[in-house]
Amino acid sequence: MGILAELKVEGGKSALLVVDMVRGYFDPQFSYAPLEKEDAARVTRGVQSLLQSFRARNLPVIYTQNYGRRTAWGPVDKKNPFLRWQEENRKKVAGAGFTRKTSLNTEGSPYAEVHDAVGPREGEIVVHKPRYDSFYSTHLEVILKGLGTENLFLCGVNTNNCVLATAYGAFCRDYRVFLVEDACATWNGPELHRAAVSQVAASLGWVTACAEVEAHLAPEAPAKG
């Protein structure tokens, strides 16, 4: 028996949160912060599978985007001292061969657009978040409360940054947290991906896979006669 069946997870109380599936990670023409090619393909397939499962049951799908807002005074929400230090000193991202370019990732830029292969449909919510945690300074909690959500399924990138921080945020608000491992990836490499997955399993919630979600949320067959 899988964990979703064991916990008797109800579809009607579940929502899918698609974290930061943006072109800056997936579109090679930008060469901004690309995932490894195999990871990009895997996580795209995984998120596509989850979208199909949730949409087939007419369950909520919510997206997040993490970008800076430009104002008359310049970007106002991309001034984290650690990230600024990394960028200004051209420090390579751990596990990757490139340096951080936070200044490129601003509102309206192609880097911040949701990846075409997993884009939102009309009526699906897109939440702008200024930091890793999808709950911090956003309306996500209000949205989930309004939907009656109890089970929050997480997928997207980066596993050890925005996905993990959001898992902590959901845990602290008493949601049942489900990390869909094969629909997550990170630019920091497999070791930190595995560490983040282990942290969720140890302290925050349950780790599942696309196939288990698909099987558990399969639409019920219509009654005969």
C-alpha atoms as a PDB file:
ATOM      1  CA  MET A   1       0.000   0.000   0.000  1.00  0.00           C
ATOM      2  CA  GLY A   2       1.362   3.419  -0.924  1.00  0.00           C
ATOM      3  CA  ILE A   3       1.529   6.290   1.525  1.00  0.00           C
ATOM      4  CA  LEU A   4      -1.361   8.164  -0.118  1.00  0.00           C
ATOM      5  CA  ALA A   5      -3.660   5.181   0.286  1.00  0.00           C
ATOM      6  CA  GLU A   6      -2.398   4.511   3.808  1.00  0.00           C
ATOM      7  CA  LEU A   7      -3.173   8.097   4.832  1.00  0.00           C
ATOM      8  CA  LYS A   8      -6.494   8.042   2.967  1.00  0.00           C
ATOM      9  CA  VAL A   9      -5.585  11.247   1.155  1.00  0.00           C
ATOM     10  CA  GLU A  10      -8.716  12.861  -0.270  1.00  0.00           C
ATOM     11  CA  GLY A  11      -8.441  14.435  -3.697  1.00  0.00           C
ATOM     12  CA  GLY A  12     -11.003  17.089  -2.843  1.00  0.00           C
ATOM     13  CA  LYS A  13      -8.768  18.422  -0.089  1.00  0.00           C
ATOM     14  CA  SER A  14      -5.589  18.395  -2.175  1.00  0.00           C
ATOM     15  CA  ALA A  15      -3.777  21.026  -4.220  1.00  0.00           C
ATOM     16  CA  LEU A  16      -0.699  20.970  -6.427  1.00  0.00           C
ATOM     17  CA  LEU A  17       1.923  23.693  -5.978  1.00  0.00           C
ATOM     18  CA  VAL A  18       4.229  24.058  -8.982  1.00  0.00           C
ATOM     19  CA  VAL A  19       7.289  25.884  -7.660  1.00  0.00           C
ATOM     20  CA  ASP A  20       9.330  28.137  -9.970  1.00  0.00           C
ATOM     21  CA  MET A  21       9.142  26.151 -13.211  1.00  0.00           C
ATOM     22  CA  VAL A  22      10.471  29.162 -15.112  1.00  0.00           C
ATOM     23  CA  ARG A  23      12.373  29.635 -18.362  1.00  0.00           C
ATOM     24  CA  GLY A  24      15.515  30.786 -16.575  1.00  0.00           C
ATOM     25  CA  TYR A  25      16.003  27.165 -15.505  1.00  0.00           C
ATOM     26  CA  PHE A  26      14.721  25.396 -18.603  1.00  0.00           C
ATOM     27  CA  ASP A  27      15.262  27.481 -21.726  1.00  0.00           C
ATOM     28  CA  PRO A  28      18.854  26.973 -22.952  1.00  0.00           C
ATOM     29  CA  GLN A  29      18.804  30.062 -25.178  1.00  0.00           C
ATOM     30  CA  PHE A  30      19.148  32.270 -22.080  1.00  0.00           C
ATOM     31  CA  SER A  31      22.021  30.338 -20.471  1.00  0.00           C
ATOM     32  CA  TYR A  32      21.038  32.004 -17.175  1.00  0.00           C
ATOM     33  CA  ALA A  33      20.644  29.203 -14.636  1.00  0.00           C
ATOM     34  CA  PRO A  34      20.042  25.995 -16.577  1.00  0.00           C
ATOM     35  CA  LEU A  35      19.388  22.687 -14.907  1.00  0.00           C
ATOM     36  CA  GLU A  36      21.382  19.719 -16.125  1.00  0.00           C
ATOM     37  CA  LYS A  37      19.763  18.497 -19.330  1.00  0.00           C
ATOM     38  CA  GLU A  38      18.655  15.155 -17.876  1.00  0.00           C
ATOM     39  CA  ASP A  39      17.232  16.797 -14.750  1.00  0.00           C
ATOM     40  CA  ALA A  40      15.362  19.372 -16.826  1.00  0.00           C
ATOM     41  CA  ALA A  41      13.771  16.663 -18.956  1.00  0.00           C
ATOM     42  CA  ARG A  42      12.901  14.521 -15.938  1.00  0.00           C
ATOM     43  CA  VAL A  43      11.298  17.261 -13.883  1.00  0.00           C
ATOM     44  CA  THR A  44       9.360  18.543 -16.907  1.00  0.00           C
ATOM     45  CA  ARG A  45       7.910  15.079 -17.534  1.00  0.00           C
ATOM     46  CA  GLY A  46       7.100  14.734 -13.852  1.00  0.00           C
ATOM     47  CA  VAL A  47       5.297  18.051 -13.584  1.00  0.00           C
ATOM     48  CA  GLN A  48       3.385  17.318 -16.792  1.00  0.00           C
ATOM     49  CA  SER A  49       2.229  14.023 -15.253  1.00  0.00           C
ATOM     50  CA  LEU A  50       1.081  15.754 -12.075  1.00  0.00           C
ATOM     51  CA  LEU A  51      -0.739  18.477 -13.997  1.00  0.00           C
ATOM     52  CA  GLN A  52      -2.597  15.831 -15.964  1.00  0.00           C
ATOM     53  CA  SER A  53      -3.564  13.979 -12.778  1.00  0.00           C
ATOM     54  CA  PHE A  54      -4.820  17.060 -10.926  1.00  0.00           C
ATOM     55  CA  ARG A  55      -6.572  18.600 -13.915  1.00  0.00           C
ATOM     56  CA  ALA A  56      -8.345  15.336 -14.727  1.00  0.00           C
ATOM     57  CA  ARG A  57      -9.914  15.484 -11.261  1.00  0.00           C
ATOM     58  CA  ASN A  58     -10.516  19.256 -11.473  1.00  0.00           C
ATOM     59  CA  LEU A  59      -8.261  19.787  -8.444  1.00  0.00           C
ATOM     60  CA  PRO A  60      -6.498  23.098  -7.760  1.00  0.00           C
ATOM     61  CA  VAL A  61      -3.180  23.835  -9.460  1.00  0.00           C
ATOM     62  CA  ILE A  62      -1.173  26.826  -8.207  1.00  0.00           C
ATOM     63  CA  TYR A  63       2.073  28.171  -9.640  1.00  0.00           C
ATOM     64  CA  THR A  64       4.795  30.287  -8.059  1.00  0.00           C
ATOM     65  CA  GLN A  65       7.303  32.628  -9.669  1.00  0.00           C
ATOM     66  CA  ASN A  66      10.279  34.152  -7.881  1.00  0.00           C
ATOM     67  CA  TYR A  67      11.466  37.444  -9.400  1.00  0.00           C
ATOM     68  CA  GLY A  68      12.353  41.006  -8.474  1.00  0.00           C
ATOM     69  CA  ARG A  69      10.099  43.991  -9.074  1.00  0.00           C
ATOM     70  CA  ARG A  70      11.582  47.052 -10.776  1.00  0.00           C
ATOM     71  CA  THR A  71      10.460  50.437  -9.486  1.00  0.00           C
ATOM     72  CA  ALA A  72      11.508  54.052 -10.083  1.00  0.00           C
ATOM     73  CA  TRP A  73      14.132  53.400  -7.381  1.00  0.00           C
ATOM     74  CA  GLY A  74      15.398  50.170  -8.941  1.00  0.00           C
ATOM     75  CA  PRO A  75      14.724  46.555  -7.848  1.00  0.00           C
ATOM     76  CA  VAL A  76      13.370  46.644  -4.318  1.00  0.00           C
ATOM     77  CA  ASP A  77      12.927  42.991  -3.390  1.00  0.00           C
ATOM     78  CA  LYS A  78      16.151  41.393  -4.670  1.00  0.00           C
ATOM     79  CA  LYS A  79      18.567  42.811  -2.130  1.00  0.00           C
ATOM     80  CA  ASN A  80      19.266  39.813   0.055  1.00  0.00           C
ATOM     81  CA  PRO A  81      22.841  40.310   1.320  1.00  0.00           C
ATOM     82  CA  PHE A  82      23.981  36.745   0.656  1.00  0.00           C
ATOM     83  CA  LEU A  83      22.599  36.598  -2.868  1.00  0.00           C
ATOM     84  CA  ARG A  84      23.984  40.063  -3.619  1.00  0.00           C
ATOM     85  CA  TRP A  85      27.403  39.012  -2.325  1.00  0.00           C
ATOM     86  CA  GLN A  86      27.331  35.907  -4.528  1.00  0.00           C
ATOM     87  CA  GLU A  87      26.455  37.909  -7.607  1.00  0.00           C
ATOM     88  CA  GLU A  88      28.766  40.871  -7.063  1.00  0.00           C
ATOM     89  CA  ASN A  89      31.727  38.591  -6.366  1.00  0.00           C
ATOM     90  CA  ARG A  90      30.876  36.179  -9.178  1.00  0.00           C
ATOM     91  CA  LYS A  91      30.754  33.203  -6.855  1.00  0.00           C
ATOM     92  CA  LYS A  92      29.767  30.048  -8.687  1.00  0.00           C
ATOM     93  CA  VAL A  93      26.541  28.401  -7.561  1.00  0.00           C
ATOM     94  CA  ALA A  94      27.346  25.267  -5.541  1.00  0.00           C
ATOM     95  CA  GLY A  95      27.160  22.180  -7.722  1.00  0.00           C
ATOM     96  CA  ALA A  96      26.875  24.247 -10.924  1.00  0.00           C
ATOM     97  CA  GLY A  97      29.291  25.883 -13.342  1.00  0.00           C
ATOM     98  CA  PHE A  98      27.735  29.349 -13.502  1.00  0.00           C
ATOM     99  CA  THR A  99      27.449  32.437 -11.347  1.00  0.00           C
ATOM    100  CA  ARG A 100      24.246  33.869  -9.948  1.00  0.00           C
ATOM    101  CA  LYS A 101      22.599  36.637 -12.009  1.00  0.00           C
ATOM    102  CA  THR A 102      19.733  37.722  -9.812  1.00  0.00           C
ATOM    103  CA  SER A 103      19.590  41.124 -11.491  1.00  0.00           C
ATOM    104  CA  LEU A 104      18.359  39.499 -14.720  1.00  0.00           C
ATOM    105  CA  ASN A 105      15.441  37.778 -13.038  1.00  0.00           C
ATOM    106  CA  THR A 106      12.960  40.661 -12.862  1.00  0.00           C
ATOM    107  CA  GLU A 107       9.259  41.130 -13.441  1.00  0.00           C
ATOM    108  CA  GLY A 108       8.370  40.883 -17.127  1.00  0.00           C
ATOM    109  CA  SER A 109      11.689  39.325 -18.157  1.00  0.00           C
ATOM    110  CA  PRO A 110      11.678  36.046 -20.117  1.00  0.00           C
ATOM    111  CA  TYR A 111      13.748  34.460 -17.347  1.00  0.00           C
ATOM    112  CA  ALA A 112      10.785  34.715 -14.976  1.00  0.00           C
ATOM    113  CA  GLU A 113       8.151  33.336 -17.364  1.00  0.00           C
ATOM    114  CA  VAL A 114       6.692  29.904 -16.617  1.00  0.00           C
ATOM    115  CA  HIS A 115       8.200  27.177 -18.799  1.00  0.00           C
ATOM    116  CA  ASP A 116       5.947  26.704 -21.847  1.00  0.00           C
ATOM    117  CA  ALA A 117       5.806  22.925 -21.464  1.00  0.00           C
ATOM    118  CA  VAL A 118       4.060  23.200 -18.081  1.00  0.00           C
ATOM    119  CA  GLY A 119       2.321  26.562 -18.319  1.00  0.00           C
ATOM    120  CA  PRO A 120      -0.808  27.496 -16.365  1.00  0.00           C
ATOM    121  CA  ARG A 121      -4.243  27.211 -17.887  1.00  0.00           C
ATOM    122  CA  GLU A 122      -6.823  29.953 -17.702  1.00  0.00           C
ATOM    123  CA  GLY A 123      -8.097  30.266 -14.155  1.00  0.00           C
ATOM    124  CA  GLU A 124      -5.082  28.655 -12.505  1.00  0.00           C
ATOM    125  CA  ILE A 125      -3.412  30.896  -9.947  1.00  0.00           C
ATOM    126  CA  VAL A 126       0.129  32.249 -10.294  1.00  0.00           C
ATOM    127  CA  VAL A 127       1.682  33.602  -7.082  1.00  0.00           C
ATOM    128  CA  HIS A 128       4.656  35.989  -7.079  1.00  0.00           C
ATOM    129  CA  LYS A 129       7.007  35.316  -4.190  1.00  0.00           C
ATOM    130  CA  PRO A 130       9.954  37.523  -3.249  1.00  0.00           C
ATOM    131  CA  ARG A 131      11.935  34.822  -1.404  1.00  0.00           C
ATOM    132  CA  TYR A 132      12.363  31.042  -1.318  1.00  0.00           C
ATOM    133  CA  ASP A 133       9.331  30.267   0.884  1.00  0.00           C
ATOM    134  CA  SER A 134       6.128  30.415  -1.168  1.00  0.00           C
ATOM    135  CA  PHE A 135       4.187  31.528   1.918  1.00  0.00           C
ATOM    136  CA  TYR A 136       6.407  34.489   2.802  1.00  0.00           C
ATOM    137  CA  SER A 137       4.779  37.833   1.856  1.00  0.00           C
ATOM    138  CA  THR A 138       2.269  36.152  -0.468  1.00  0.00           C
ATOM    139  CA  HIS A 139      -1.438  35.312  -0.478  1.00  0.00           C
ATOM    140  CA  LEU A 140      -0.799  31.569  -0.755  1.00  0.00           C
ATOM    141  CA  GLU A 141      -2.126  30.689   2.694  1.00  0.00           C
ATOM    142  CA  VAL A 142      -5.328  32.670   2.114  1.00  0.00           C
ATOM    143  CA  ILE A 143      -5.777  30.935  -1.243  1.00  0.00           C
ATOM    144  CA  LEU A 144      -5.279  27.451   0.219  1.00  0.00           C
ATOM    145  CA  LYS A 145      -7.632  28.160   3.133  1.00  0.00           C
ATOM    146  CA  GLY A 146     -10.267  29.344   0.686  1.00  0.00           C
ATOM    147  CA  LEU A 147      -9.886  26.141  -1.304  1.00  0.00           C
ATOM    148  CA  GLY A 148     -10.198  23.970   1.789  1.00  0.00           C
ATOM    149  CA  THR A 149      -6.779  22.452   1.160  1.00  0.00           C
ATOM    150  CA  GLU A 150      -5.313  20.011   3.663  1.00  0.00           C
ATOM    151  CA  ASN A 151      -2.896  18.077   1.452  1.00  0.00           C
ATOM    152  CA  LEU A 152      -0.263  20.109  -0.380  1.00  0.00           C
ATOM    153  CA  PHE A 153       1.710  18.375  -3.134  1.00  0.00           C
ATOM    154  CA  LEU A 154       5.004  20.086  -3.984  1.00  0.00           C
ATOM    155  CA  CYS A 155       6.985  19.879  -7.198  1.00  0.00           C
ATOM    156  CA  GLY A 156       9.409  22.075  -9.156  1.00  0.00           C
ATOM    157  CA  VAL A 157      12.809  23.696  -8.521  1.00  0.00           C
ATOM    158  CA  ASN A 158      15.088  24.073  -6.735  1.00  0.00           C
ATOM    159  CA  THR A 159      14.557  21.091  -4.434  1.00  0.00           C
ATOM    160  CA  ASN A 160      16.895  22.331  -1.707  1.00  0.00           C
ATOM    161  CA  ASN A 161      15.955  26.002  -1.937  1.00  0.00           C
ATOM    162  CA  CYS A 162      12.422  27.106  -2.832  1.00  0.00           C
ATOM    163  CA  VAL A 163      10.802  23.672  -2.645  1.00  0.00           C
ATOM    164  CA  LEU A 164      12.327  22.852   0.733  1.00  0.00           C
ATOM    165  CA  ALA A 165      11.616  26.312   2.159  1.00  0.00           C
ATOM    166  CA  THR A 166       8.000  25.984   1.027  1.00  0.00           C
ATOM    167  CA  ALA A 167       7.792  22.549   2.634  1.00  0.00           C
ATOM    168  CA  TYR A 168       8.859  24.158   5.914  1.00  0.00           C
ATOM    169  CA  GLY A 169       6.288  26.911   5.435  1.00  0.00           C
ATOM    170  CA  ALA A 170       3.525  24.389   4.789  1.00  0.00           C
ATOM    171  CA  PHE A 171       4.582  22.244   7.743  1.00  0.00           C
ATOM    172  CA  CYS A 172       4.503  25.248  10.075  1.00  0.00           C
ATOM    173  CA  ARG A 173       0.913  25.910   8.976  1.00  0.00           C
ATOM    174  CA  ASP A 174      -0.142  22.298   9.612  1.00  0.00           C
ATOM    175  CA  TYR A 175      -0.684  21.215   6.021  1.00  0.00           C
ATOM    176  CA  ARG A 176       0.080  17.626   5.129  1.00  0.00           C
ATOM    177  CA  VAL A 177       3.185  18.011   2.966  1.00  0.00           C
ATOM    178  CA  PHE A 178       3.811  15.644   0.051  1.00  0.00           C
ATOM    179  CA  LEU A 179       7.032  16.074  -1.898  1.00  0.00           C
ATOM    180  CA  VAL A 180       6.861  14.461  -5.340  1.00  0.00           C
ATOM    181  CA  GLU A 181      10.509  13.532  -5.680  1.00  0.00           C
ATOM    182  CA  ASP A 182      10.718  12.718  -9.382  1.00  0.00           C
ATOM    183  CA  ALA A 183       9.038  16.040 -10.229  1.00  0.00           C
ATOM    184  CA  CYS A 184      11.723  18.062  -8.436  1.00  0.00           C
ATOM    185  CA  ALA A 185      15.275  19.045  -9.370  1.00  0.00           C
ATOM    186  CA  THR A 186      17.983  21.506  -8.392  1.00  0.00           C
ATOM    187  CA  TRP A 187      20.792  23.401 -10.054  1.00  0.00           C
ATOM    188  CA  ASN A 188      22.933  22.454  -7.029  1.00  0.00           C
ATOM    189  CA  GLY A 189      23.268  18.853  -8.149  1.00  0.00           C
ATOM    190  CA  PRO A 190      22.070  15.398  -7.044  1.00  0.00           C
ATOM    191  CA  GLU A 191      23.669  15.424  -3.601  1.00  0.00           C
ATOM    192  CA  LEU A 192      21.741  18.466  -2.408  1.00  0.00           C
ATOM    193  CA  HIS A 193      18.574  17.195  -4.127  1.00  0.00           C
ATOM    194  CA  ARG A 194      18.826  13.979  -2.113  1.00  0.00           C
ATOM    195  CA  ALA A 195      19.617  15.906   1.076  1.00  0.00           C
ATOM    196  CA  ALA A 196      16.495  18.041   0.677  1.00  0.00           C
ATOM    197  CA  VAL A 197      14.327  14.999  -0.002  1.00  0.00           C
ATOM    198  CA  SER A 198      15.770  13.320   3.093  1.00  0.00           C
ATOM    199  CA  GLN A 199      15.047  16.415   5.183  1.00  0.00           C
ATOM    200  CA  VAL A 200      11.415  16.422   4.120  1.00  0.00           C
ATOM    201  CA  ALA A 201      11.061  12.710   4.917  1.00  0.00           C
ATOM    202  CA  ALA A 202      12.791  13.113   8.285  1.00  0.00           C
ATOM    203  CA  SER A 203      10.998  16.181   9.583  1.00  0.00           C
ATOM    204  CA  LEU A 204       8.301  17.706   7.388  1.00  0.00           C
ATOM    205  CA  GLY A 205       6.113  15.266   5.502  1.00  0.00           C
ATOM    206  CA  TRP A 206       5.931  12.416   3.070  1.00  0.00           C
ATOM    207  CA  VAL A 207       7.897  11.678  -0.091  1.00  0.00           C
ATOM    208  CA  THR A 208       5.965  10.242  -3.009  1.00  0.00           C
ATOM    209  CA  ALA A 209       6.331   9.804  -6.770  1.00  0.00           C
ATOM    210  CA  CYS A 210       4.375  10.787  -9.868  1.00  0.00           C
ATOM    211  CA  ALA A 211       3.190   7.235 -10.522  1.00  0.00           C
ATOM    212  CA  GLU A 212       1.721   6.936  -7.012  1.00  0.00           C
ATOM    213  CA  VAL A 213      -0.039  10.294  -7.314  1.00  0.00           C
ATOM    214  CA  GLU A 214      -1.404   9.374 -10.734  1.00  0.00           C
ATOM    215  CA  ALA A 215      -2.737   6.044  -9.468  1.00  0.00           C
ATOM    216  CA  HIS A 216      -4.246   7.550  -6.314  1.00  0.00           C
ATOM    217  CA  LEU A 217      -5.918  10.461  -8.080  1.00  0.00           C
ATOM    218  CA  ALA A 218      -7.119   8.549 -11.117  1.00  0.00           C
ATOM    219  CA  PRO A 219     -10.673   9.669 -12.012  1.00  0.00           C
ATOM    220  CA  GLU A 220     -13.277   7.245 -10.832  1.00  0.00           C
ATOM    221  CA  ALA A 221     -14.889   5.155 -13.533  1.00  0.00           C
ATOM    222  CA  PRO A 222     -18.484   6.167 -14.247  1.00  0.00           C
ATOM    223  CA  ALA A 223     -21.108   3.917 -12.709  1.00  0.00           C
ATOM    224  CA  LYS A 224     -22.638   1.404 -15.106  1.00  0.00           C
ATOM    225  CA  GLY A 225     -26.297   1.504 -15.876  1.00  0.00           C
END
